[in-house]
């Protein structure tokens, strides 16, 4: 079930907004889901950037591409953070 802003509305396992916005009864589940996705993201990033570094184009070209991708993701994250709302509705 997607909310009109694209946020998933479901139980704590499906809602990735973080453990602070979950009821106390679901804090453990929310924390586990949050940490699982954090670890998964790190593992995928290491695999992707490692593959880029060992590409046939050479180490320097792969490193440059990796840094451009990382910079773009940081920029997108900074832009997305402007639209994050807290539980009380403020930014």
PDB file of N, CA and C in Angstrom:
ATOM      1  N   UNK A   1       0.839  -1.172   0.000  1.00  0.00           N
ATOM      2  CA  UNK A   1       0.000   0.000   0.000  1.00  0.00           C
ATOM      3  C   UNK A   1       0.885   1.237   0.000  1.00  0.00           C
ATOM      4  N   UNK A   2       0.813   2.016  -1.045  1.00  0.00           N
ATOM      5  CA  UNK A   2       1.607   3.232  -1.103  1.00  0.00           C
ATOM      6  C   UNK A   2       0.755   4.427  -0.720  1.00  0.00           C
ATOM      7  N   UNK A   3       1.337   5.274   0.082  1.00  0.00           N
ATOM      8  CA  UNK A   3       0.695   6.538   0.441  1.00  0.00           C
ATOM      9  C   UNK A   3       0.855   7.479  -0.742  1.00  0.00           C
ATOM     10  N   UNK A   4       0.102   8.554  -0.808  1.00  0.00           N
ATOM     11  CA  UNK A   4       0.151   9.423  -1.990  1.00  0.00           C
ATOM     12  C   UNK A   4       1.514  10.065  -2.221  1.00  0.00           C
ATOM     13  N   UNK A   5       2.373  10.170  -1.205  1.00  0.00           N
ATOM     14  CA  UNK A   5       3.716  10.711  -1.403  1.00  0.00           C
ATOM     15  C   UNK A   5       4.725   9.628  -1.743  1.00  0.00           C
ATOM     16  N   UNK A   6       4.273   8.403  -1.899  1.00  0.00           N
ATOM     17  CA  UNK A   6       5.168   7.327  -2.230  1.00  0.00           C
ATOM     18  C   UNK A   6       5.695   6.577  -1.027  1.00  0.00           C
ATOM     19  N   UNK A   7       5.306   6.981   0.156  1.00  0.00           N
ATOM     20  CA  UNK A   7       5.739   6.277   1.351  1.00  0.00           C
ATOM     21  C   UNK A   7       4.884   5.039   1.548  1.00  0.00           C
ATOM     22  N   UNK A   8       5.519   3.968   1.946  1.00  0.00           N
ATOM     23  CA  UNK A   8       4.801   2.725   2.187  1.00  0.00           C
ATOM     24  C   UNK A   8       4.067   2.829   3.516  1.00  0.00           C
ATOM     25  N   UNK A   9       2.800   2.490   3.506  1.00  0.00           N
ATOM     26  CA  UNK A   9       2.007   2.493   4.740  1.00  0.00           C
ATOM     27  C   UNK A   9       1.669   1.062   5.095  1.00  0.00           C
ATOM     28  N   UNK A  10       2.299   0.549   6.101  1.00  0.00           N
ATOM     29  CA  UNK A  10       2.060  -0.824   6.508  1.00  0.00           C
ATOM     30  C   UNK A  10       2.588  -1.040   7.905  1.00  0.00           C
ATOM     31  N   UNK A  11       3.041  -2.234   8.149  1.00  0.00           N
ATOM     32  CA  UNK A  11       3.572  -2.514   9.477  1.00  0.00           C
ATOM     33  C   UNK A  11       5.013  -2.019   9.579  1.00  0.00           C
ATOM     34  N   UNK A  12       5.611  -2.203  10.729  1.00  0.00           N
ATOM     35  CA  UNK A  12       6.967  -1.703  10.958  1.00  0.00           C
ATOM     36  C   UNK A  12       7.977  -2.337  10.015  1.00  0.00           C
ATOM     37  N   UNK A  13       7.756  -3.572   9.606  1.00  0.00           N
ATOM     38  CA  UNK A  13       8.698  -4.232   8.715  1.00  0.00           C
ATOM     39  C   UNK A  13       8.683  -3.603   7.322  1.00  0.00           C
ATOM     40  N   UNK A  14       7.589  -2.999   6.919  1.00  0.00           N
ATOM     41  CA  UNK A  14       7.517  -2.401   5.596  1.00  0.00           C
ATOM     42  C   UNK A  14       7.801  -0.925   5.576  1.00  0.00           C
ATOM     43  N   UNK A  15       7.803  -0.301   6.726  1.00  0.00           N
ATOM     44  CA  UNK A  15       7.977   1.143   6.801  1.00  0.00           C
ATOM     45  C   UNK A  15       9.420   1.458   7.157  1.00  0.00           C
ATOM     46  N   UNK A  16      10.131   2.119   6.266  1.00  0.00           N
ATOM     47  CA  UNK A  16      11.559   2.327   6.440  1.00  0.00           C
ATOM     48  C   UNK A  16      11.907   3.732   6.941  1.00  0.00           C
ATOM     49  N   UNK A  17      10.976   4.405   7.558  1.00  0.00           N
ATOM     50  CA  UNK A  17      11.260   5.752   8.037  1.00  0.00           C
ATOM     51  C   UNK A  17      12.166   5.771   9.258  1.00  0.00           C
ATOM     52  N   UNK A  18      12.305   4.685   9.932  1.00  0.00           N
ATOM     53  CA  UNK A  18      13.212   4.629  11.069  1.00  0.00           C
ATOM     54  C   UNK A  18      12.510   4.205  12.334  1.00  0.00           C
ATOM     55  N   UNK A  19      13.285   3.749  13.307  1.00  0.00           N
ATOM     56  CA  UNK A  19      12.693   3.199  14.524  1.00  0.00           C
ATOM     57  C   UNK A  19      12.072   4.237  15.446  1.00  0.00           C
ATOM     58  N   UNK A  20      12.428   5.499  15.339  1.00  0.00           N
ATOM     59  CA  UNK A  20      11.887   6.495  16.263  1.00  0.00           C
ATOM     60  C   UNK A  20      10.419   6.803  16.017  1.00  0.00           C
ATOM     61  N   UNK A  21       9.924   6.549  14.817  1.00  0.00           N
ATOM     62  CA  UNK A  21       8.544   6.881  14.492  1.00  0.00           C
ATOM     63  C   UNK A  21       7.597   5.705  14.633  1.00  0.00           C
ATOM     64  N   UNK A  22       8.037   4.638  15.202  1.00  0.00           N
ATOM     65  CA  UNK A  22       7.216   3.446  15.395  1.00  0.00           C
ATOM     66  C   UNK A  22       6.728   3.382  16.830  1.00  0.00           C
ATOM     67  N   UNK A  23       5.576   2.748  17.065  1.00  0.00           N
ATOM     68  CA  UNK A  23       5.105   2.539  18.436  1.00  0.00           C
ATOM     69  C   UNK A  23       6.120   1.702  19.217  1.00  0.00           C
ATOM     70  N   UNK A  24       6.132   1.870  20.513  1.00  0.00           N
ATOM     71  CA  UNK A  24       7.096   1.149  21.350  1.00  0.00           C
ATOM     72  C   UNK A  24       6.974  -0.363  21.187  1.00  0.00           C
ATOM     73  N   UNK A  25       5.774  -0.839  20.929  1.00  0.00           N
ATOM     74  CA  UNK A  25       5.587  -2.285  20.778  1.00  0.00           C
ATOM     75  C   UNK A  25       6.268  -2.841  19.529  1.00  0.00           C
ATOM     76  N   UNK A  26       6.586  -1.993  18.575  1.00  0.00           N
ATOM     77  CA  UNK A  26       7.233  -2.442  17.331  1.00  0.00           C
ATOM     78  C   UNK A  26       8.648  -1.905  17.194  1.00  0.00           C
ATOM     79  N   UNK A  27       9.201  -1.393  18.254  1.00  0.00           N
ATOM     80  CA  UNK A  27      10.529  -0.783  18.180  1.00  0.00           C
ATOM     81  C   UNK A  27      11.592  -1.802  17.776  1.00  0.00           C
ATOM     82  N   UNK A  28      11.512  -3.008  18.291  1.00  0.00           N
ATOM     83  CA  UNK A  28      12.503  -4.031  17.948  1.00  0.00           C
ATOM     84  C   UNK A  28      12.464  -4.401  16.484  1.00  0.00           C
ATOM     85  N   UNK A  29      11.277  -4.571  15.945  1.00  0.00           N
ATOM     86  CA  UNK A  29      11.128  -4.913  14.531  1.00  0.00           C
ATOM     87  C   UNK A  29      11.606  -3.771  13.647  1.00  0.00           C
ATOM     88  N   UNK A  30      11.222  -2.553  14.008  1.00  0.00           N
ATOM     89  CA  UNK A  30      11.635  -1.394  13.207  1.00  0.00           C
ATOM     90  C   UNK A  30      13.152  -1.238  13.222  1.00  0.00           C
ATOM     91  N   UNK A  31      13.759  -1.434  14.372  1.00  0.00           N
ATOM     92  CA  UNK A  31      15.209  -1.335  14.474  1.00  0.00           C
ATOM     93  C   UNK A  31      15.896  -2.416  13.645  1.00  0.00           C
ATOM     94  N   UNK A  32      15.366  -3.622  13.684  1.00  0.00           N
ATOM     95  CA  UNK A  32      15.951  -4.724  12.913  1.00  0.00           C
ATOM     96  C   UNK A  32      15.858  -4.460  11.416  1.00  0.00           C
ATOM     97  N   UNK A  33      14.711  -3.973  10.953  1.00  0.00           N
ATOM     98  CA  UNK A  33      14.537  -3.686   9.524  1.00  0.00           C
ATOM     99  C   UNK A  33      15.469  -2.558   9.101  1.00  0.00           C
ATOM    100  N   UNK A  34      15.533  -1.520   9.912  1.00  0.00           N
ATOM    101  CA  UNK A  34      16.403  -0.382   9.603  1.00  0.00           C
ATOM    102  C   UNK A  34      17.859  -0.833   9.477  1.00  0.00           C
ATOM    103  N   UNK A  35      18.338  -1.616  10.431  1.00  0.00           N
ATOM    104  CA  UNK A  35      19.724  -2.073  10.401  1.00  0.00           C
ATOM    105  C   UNK A  35      19.983  -3.066   9.280  1.00  0.00           C
ATOM    106  N   UNK A  36      19.001  -3.900   8.962  1.00  0.00           N
ATOM    107  CA  UNK A  36      19.160  -4.841   7.853  1.00  0.00           C
ATOM    108  C   UNK A  36      19.365  -4.098   6.540  1.00  0.00           C
ATOM    109  N   UNK A  37      18.547  -3.090   6.285  1.00  0.00           N
ATOM    110  CA  UNK A  37      18.685  -2.336   5.041  1.00  0.00           C
ATOM    111  C   UNK A  37      19.954  -1.495   5.026  1.00  0.00           C
ATOM    112  N   UNK A  38      20.392  -1.031   6.170  1.00  0.00           N
ATOM    113  CA  UNK A  38      21.651  -0.288   6.249  1.00  0.00           C
ATOM    114  C   UNK A  38      22.813  -1.210   5.886  1.00  0.00           C
ATOM    115  N   UNK A  39      22.822  -2.419   6.440  1.00  0.00           N
ATOM    116  CA  UNK A  39      23.878  -3.380   6.140  1.00  0.00           C
ATOM    117  C   UNK A  39      23.816  -3.832   4.674  1.00  0.00           C
ATOM    118  N   UNK A  40      22.615  -4.062   4.170  1.00  0.00           N
ATOM    119  CA  UNK A  40      22.446  -4.477   2.780  1.00  0.00           C
ATOM    120  C   UNK A  40      22.948  -3.394   1.824  1.00  0.00           C
ATOM    121  N   UNK A  41      22.619  -2.150   2.122  1.00  0.00           N
ATOM    122  CA  UNK A  41      23.090  -1.042   1.288  1.00  0.00           C
ATOM    123  C   UNK A  41      24.601  -0.947   1.262  1.00  0.00           C
ATOM    124  N   UNK A  42      25.218  -1.131   2.419  1.00  0.00           N
ATOM    125  CA  UNK A  42      26.680  -1.100   2.471  1.00  0.00           C
ATOM    126  C   UNK A  42      27.302  -2.223   1.670  1.00  0.00           C
ATOM    127  N   UNK A  43      26.736  -3.419   1.767  1.00  0.00           N
ATOM    128  CA  UNK A  43      27.277  -4.569   1.036  1.00  0.00           C
ATOM    129  C   UNK A  43      27.129  -4.389  -0.470  1.00  0.00           C
ATOM    130  N   UNK A  44      25.983  -3.900  -0.894  1.00  0.00           N
ATOM    131  CA  UNK A  44      25.763  -3.676  -2.329  1.00  0.00           C
ATOM    132  C   UNK A  44      26.697  -2.582  -2.843  1.00  0.00           C
ATOM    133  N   UNK A  45      26.865  -1.528  -2.072  1.00  0.00           N
ATOM    134  CA  UNK A  45      27.755  -0.439  -2.490  1.00  0.00           C
ATOM    135  C   UNK A  45      29.187  -0.932  -2.646  1.00  0.00           C
ATOM    136  N   UNK A  46      29.648  -1.734  -1.702  1.00  0.00           N
ATOM    137  CA  UNK A  46      31.007  -2.271  -1.802  1.00  0.00           C
ATOM    138  C   UNK A  46      31.145  -3.145  -3.042  1.00  0.00           C
ATOM    139  N   UNK A  47      30.145  -3.968  -3.325  1.00  0.00           N
ATOM    140  CA  UNK A  47      30.203  -4.841  -4.499  1.00  0.00           C
ATOM    141  C   UNK A  47      30.207  -4.032  -5.794  1.00  0.00           C
ATOM    142  N   UNK A  48      29.342  -3.024  -5.869  1.00  0.00           N
ATOM    143  CA  UNK A  48      29.262  -2.223  -7.102  1.00  0.00           C
ATOM    144  C   UNK A  48      30.534  -1.421  -7.312  1.00  0.00           C
ATOM    145  N   UNK A  49      31.002  -0.742  -6.273  1.00  0.00           N
ATOM    146  CA  UNK A  49      32.206   0.065  -6.438  1.00  0.00           C
ATOM    147  C   UNK A  49      33.438  -0.809  -6.658  1.00  0.00           C
ATOM    148  N   UNK A  50      33.481  -1.984  -6.053  1.00  0.00           N
ATOM    149  CA  UNK A  50      34.576  -2.919  -6.312  1.00  0.00           C
ATOM    150  C   UNK A  50      34.576  -3.385  -7.759  1.00  0.00           C
ATOM    151  N   UNK A  51      33.386  -3.649  -8.299  1.00  0.00           N
ATOM    152  CA  UNK A  51      33.285  -4.062  -9.707  1.00  0.00           C
ATOM    153  C   UNK A  51      33.724  -2.935 -10.638  1.00  0.00           C
ATOM    154  N   UNK A  52      33.392  -1.709 -10.283  1.00  0.00           N
ATOM    155  CA  UNK A  52      33.812  -0.577 -11.119  1.00  0.00           C
ATOM    156  C   UNK A  52      35.327  -0.394 -11.081  1.00  0.00           C
ATOM    157  N   UNK A  53      35.930  -0.623  -9.921  1.00  0.00           N
ATOM    158  CA  UNK A  53      37.374  -0.449  -9.799  1.00  0.00           C
ATOM    159  C   UNK A  53      38.153  -1.509 -10.578  1.00  0.00           C
ATOM    160  N   UNK A  54      37.585  -2.690 -10.711  1.00  0.00           N
ATOM    161  CA  UNK A  54      38.288  -3.767 -11.422  1.00  0.00           C
ATOM    162  C   UNK A  54      37.838  -3.891 -12.868  1.00  0.00           C
ATOM    163  N   UNK A  55      37.130  -2.900 -13.371  1.00  0.00           N
ATOM    164  CA  UNK A  55      36.663  -2.915 -14.757  1.00  0.00           C
ATOM    165  C   UNK A  55      37.855  -2.896 -15.713  1.00  0.00           C
ATOM    166  N   UNK A  56      37.638  -3.324 -16.930  1.00  0.00           N
ATOM    167  CA  UNK A  56      38.717  -3.409 -17.920  1.00  0.00           C
ATOM    168  C   UNK A  56      39.219  -2.035 -18.375  1.00  0.00           C
ATOM    169  N   UNK A  57      38.482  -0.967 -18.066  1.00  0.00           N
ATOM    170  CA  UNK A  57      38.920   0.374 -18.477  1.00  0.00           C
ATOM    171  C   UNK A  57      40.067   0.879 -17.632  1.00  0.00           C
ATOM    172  N   UNK A  58      40.329   0.259 -16.514  1.00  0.00           N
ATOM    173  CA  UNK A  58      41.459   0.660 -15.681  1.00  0.00           C
ATOM    174  C   UNK A  58      41.012   1.146 -14.313  1.00  0.00           C
ATOM    175  N   UNK A  59      41.960   1.125 -13.389  1.00  0.00           N
ATOM    176  CA  UNK A  59      41.674   1.486 -12.008  1.00  0.00           C
ATOM    177  C   UNK A  59      41.253   2.953 -11.873  1.00  0.00           C
ATOM    178  N   UNK A  60      41.995   3.858 -12.513  1.00  0.00           N
ATOM    179  CA  UNK A  60      41.724   5.287 -12.361  1.00  0.00           C
ATOM    180  C   UNK A  60      40.355   5.642 -12.942  1.00  0.00           C
ATOM    181  N   UNK A  61      40.033   5.102 -14.106  1.00  0.00           N
ATOM    182  CA  UNK A  61      38.719   5.382 -14.707  1.00  0.00           C
ATOM    183  C   UNK A  61      37.599   4.836 -13.834  1.00  0.00           C
ATOM    184  N   UNK A  62      37.789   3.634 -13.279  1.00  0.00           N
ATOM    185  CA  UNK A  62      36.794   3.058 -12.379  1.00  0.00           C
ATOM    186  C   UNK A  62      36.646   3.858 -11.105  1.00  0.00           C
ATOM    187  N   UNK A  63      37.772   4.334 -10.567  1.00  0.00           N
ATOM    188  CA  UNK A  63      37.730   5.159  -9.365  1.00  0.00           C
ATOM    189  C   UNK A  63      36.998   6.469  -9.628  1.00  0.00           C
ATOM    190  N   UNK A  64      37.276   7.085 -10.765  1.00  0.00           N
ATOM    191  CA  UNK A  64      36.603   8.335 -11.109  1.00  0.00           C
ATOM    192  C   UNK A  64      35.103   8.126 -11.265  1.00  0.00           C
ATOM    193  N   UNK A  65      34.710   7.058 -11.932  1.00  0.00           N
ATOM    194  CA  UNK A  65      33.287   6.760 -12.090  1.00  0.00           C
ATOM    195  C   UNK A  65      32.637   6.492 -10.737  1.00  0.00           C
ATOM    196  N   UNK A  66      33.329   5.756  -9.877  1.00  0.00           N
ATOM    197  CA  UNK A  66      32.800   5.484  -8.535  1.00  0.00           C
ATOM    198  C   UNK A  66      32.586   6.770  -7.753  1.00  0.00           C
ATOM    199  N   UNK A  67      33.532   7.686  -7.834  1.00  0.00           N
ATOM    200  CA  UNK A  67      33.408   8.958  -7.111  1.00  0.00           C
ATOM    201  C   UNK A  67      32.279   9.820  -7.671  1.00  0.00           C
ATOM    202  N   UNK A  68      32.089   9.796  -8.991  1.00  0.00           N
ATOM    203  CA  UNK A  68      30.983  10.547  -9.591  1.00  0.00           C
ATOM    204  C   UNK A  68      29.643   9.967  -9.132  1.00  0.00           C
ATOM    205  N   UNK A  69      29.533   8.654  -9.118  1.00  0.00           N
ATOM    206  CA  UNK A  69      28.289   8.015  -8.657  1.00  0.00           C
ATOM    207  C   UNK A  69      28.039   8.333  -7.191  1.00  0.00           C
ATOM    208  N   UNK A  70      29.085   8.241  -6.361  1.00  0.00           N
ATOM    209  CA  UNK A  70      28.933   8.541  -4.936  1.00  0.00           C
ATOM    210  C   UNK A  70      28.514   9.991  -4.722  1.00  0.00           C
ATOM    211  N   UNK A  71      29.116  10.916  -5.458  1.00  0.00           N
ATOM    212  CA  UNK A  71      28.757  12.327  -5.333  1.00  0.00           C
ATOM    213  C   UNK A  71      27.308  12.570  -5.756  1.00  0.00           C
ATOM    214  N   UNK A  72      26.882  11.909  -6.821  1.00  0.00           N
ATOM    215  CA  UNK A  72      25.490  12.056  -7.280  1.00  0.00           C
ATOM    216  C   UNK A  72      24.519  11.514  -6.241  1.00  0.00           C
ATOM    217  N   UNK A  73      24.851  10.381  -5.633  1.00  0.00           N
ATOM    218  CA  UNK A  73      23.980   9.823  -4.599  1.00  0.00           C
ATOM    219  C   UNK A  73      23.920  10.717  -3.360  1.00  0.00           C
ATOM    220  N   UNK A  74      25.038  11.312  -2.991  1.00  0.00           N
ATOM    221  CA  UNK A  74      25.040  12.244  -1.858  1.00  0.00           C
ATOM    222  C   UNK A  74      24.171  13.454  -2.171  1.00  0.00           C
ATOM    223  N   UNK A  75      24.276  13.966  -3.382  1.00  0.00           N
ATOM    224  CA  UNK A  75      23.450  15.112  -3.777  1.00  0.00           C
ATOM    225  C   UNK A  75      21.967  14.754  -3.766  1.00  0.00           C
ATOM    226  N   UNK A  76      21.615  13.601  -4.309  1.00  0.00           N
ATOM    227  CA  UNK A  76      20.214  13.172  -4.299  1.00  0.00           C
ATOM    228  C   UNK A  76      19.694  12.970  -2.872  1.00  0.00           C
ATOM    229  N   UNK A  77      20.539  12.431  -2.008  1.00  0.00           N
ATOM    230  CA  UNK A  77      20.150  12.245  -0.611  1.00  0.00           C
ATOM    231  C   UNK A  77      19.936  13.580   0.080  1.00  0.00           C
ATOM    232  N   UNK A  78      20.790  14.545  -0.183  1.00  0.00           N
ATOM    233  CA  UNK A  78      20.629  15.876   0.410  1.00  0.00           C
ATOM    234  C   UNK A  78      19.337  16.533  -0.063  1.00  0.00           C
ATOM    235  N   UNK A  79      19.023  16.382  -1.332  1.00  0.00           N
ATOM    236  CA  UNK A  79      17.772  16.944  -1.855  1.00  0.00           C
ATOM    237  C   UNK A  79      16.573  16.237  -1.246  1.00  0.00           C
ATOM    238  N   UNK A  80      16.627  14.904  -1.150  1.00  0.00           N
ATOM    239  CA  UNK A  80      15.518  14.145  -0.567  1.00  0.00           C
ATOM    240  C   UNK A  80      15.315  14.480   0.902  1.00  0.00           C
ATOM    241  N   UNK A  81      16.393  14.802   1.615  1.00  0.00           N
ATOM    242  CA  UNK A  81      16.271  15.092   3.044  1.00  0.00           C
ATOM    243  C   UNK A  81      15.465  16.361   3.309  1.00  0.00           C
ATOM    244  N   UNK A  82      15.353  17.221   2.331  1.00  0.00           N
ATOM    245  CA  UNK A  82      14.545  18.433   2.487  1.00  0.00           C
ATOM    246  C   UNK A  82      13.069  18.067   2.642  1.00  0.00           C
ATOM    247  N   UNK A  83      12.654  16.957   2.050  1.00  0.00           N
ATOM    248  CA  UNK A  83      11.255  16.580   2.039  1.00  0.00           C
ATOM    249  C   UNK A  83      10.858  15.604   3.151  1.00  0.00           C
ATOM    250  N   UNK A  84      11.790  15.249   4.016  1.00  0.00           N
ATOM    251  CA  UNK A  84      11.489  14.319   5.106  1.00  0.00           C
ATOM    252  C   UNK A  84      10.704  15.050   6.189  1.00  0.00           C
ATOM    253  N   UNK A  85       9.647  14.448   6.629  1.00  0.00           N
ATOM    254  CA  UNK A  85       8.791  15.015   7.675  1.00  0.00           C
ATOM    255  C   UNK A  85       8.947  14.210   8.951  1.00  0.00           C
ATOM    256  N   UNK A  86       8.882  14.873  10.075  1.00  0.00           N
ATOM    257  CA  UNK A  86       8.931  14.186  11.356  1.00  0.00           C
ATOM    258  C   UNK A  86       7.522  13.798  11.781  1.00  0.00           C
ATOM    259  N   UNK A  87       7.405  13.108  12.909  1.00  0.00           N
ATOM    260  CA  UNK A  87       6.099  12.649  13.368  1.00  0.00           C
ATOM    261  C   UNK A  87       5.137  13.793  13.657  1.00  0.00           C
ATOM    262  N   UNK A  88       5.672  14.953  14.068  1.00  0.00           N
ATOM    263  CA  UNK A  88       4.785  16.076  14.366  1.00  0.00           C
ATOM    264  C   UNK A  88       4.464  16.924  13.125  1.00  0.00           C
ATOM    265  N   UNK A  89       4.982  16.520  11.968  1.00  0.00           N
ATOM    266  CA  UNK A  89       4.648  17.204  10.717  1.00  0.00           C
ATOM    267  C   UNK A  89       5.625  18.278  10.305  1.00  0.00           C
ATOM    268  N   UNK A  90       6.637  18.576  11.125  1.00  0.00           N
ATOM    269  CA  UNK A  90       7.600  19.596  10.749  1.00  0.00           C
ATOM    270  C   UNK A  90       8.702  18.983   9.906  1.00  0.00           C
ATOM    271  N   UNK A  91       9.490  19.828   9.263  1.00  0.00           N
ATOM    272  CA  UNK A  91      10.589  19.347   8.402  1.00  0.00           C
ATOM    273  C   UNK A  91      11.812  19.077   9.214  1.00  0.00           C
TER     274      UNK A  91
END
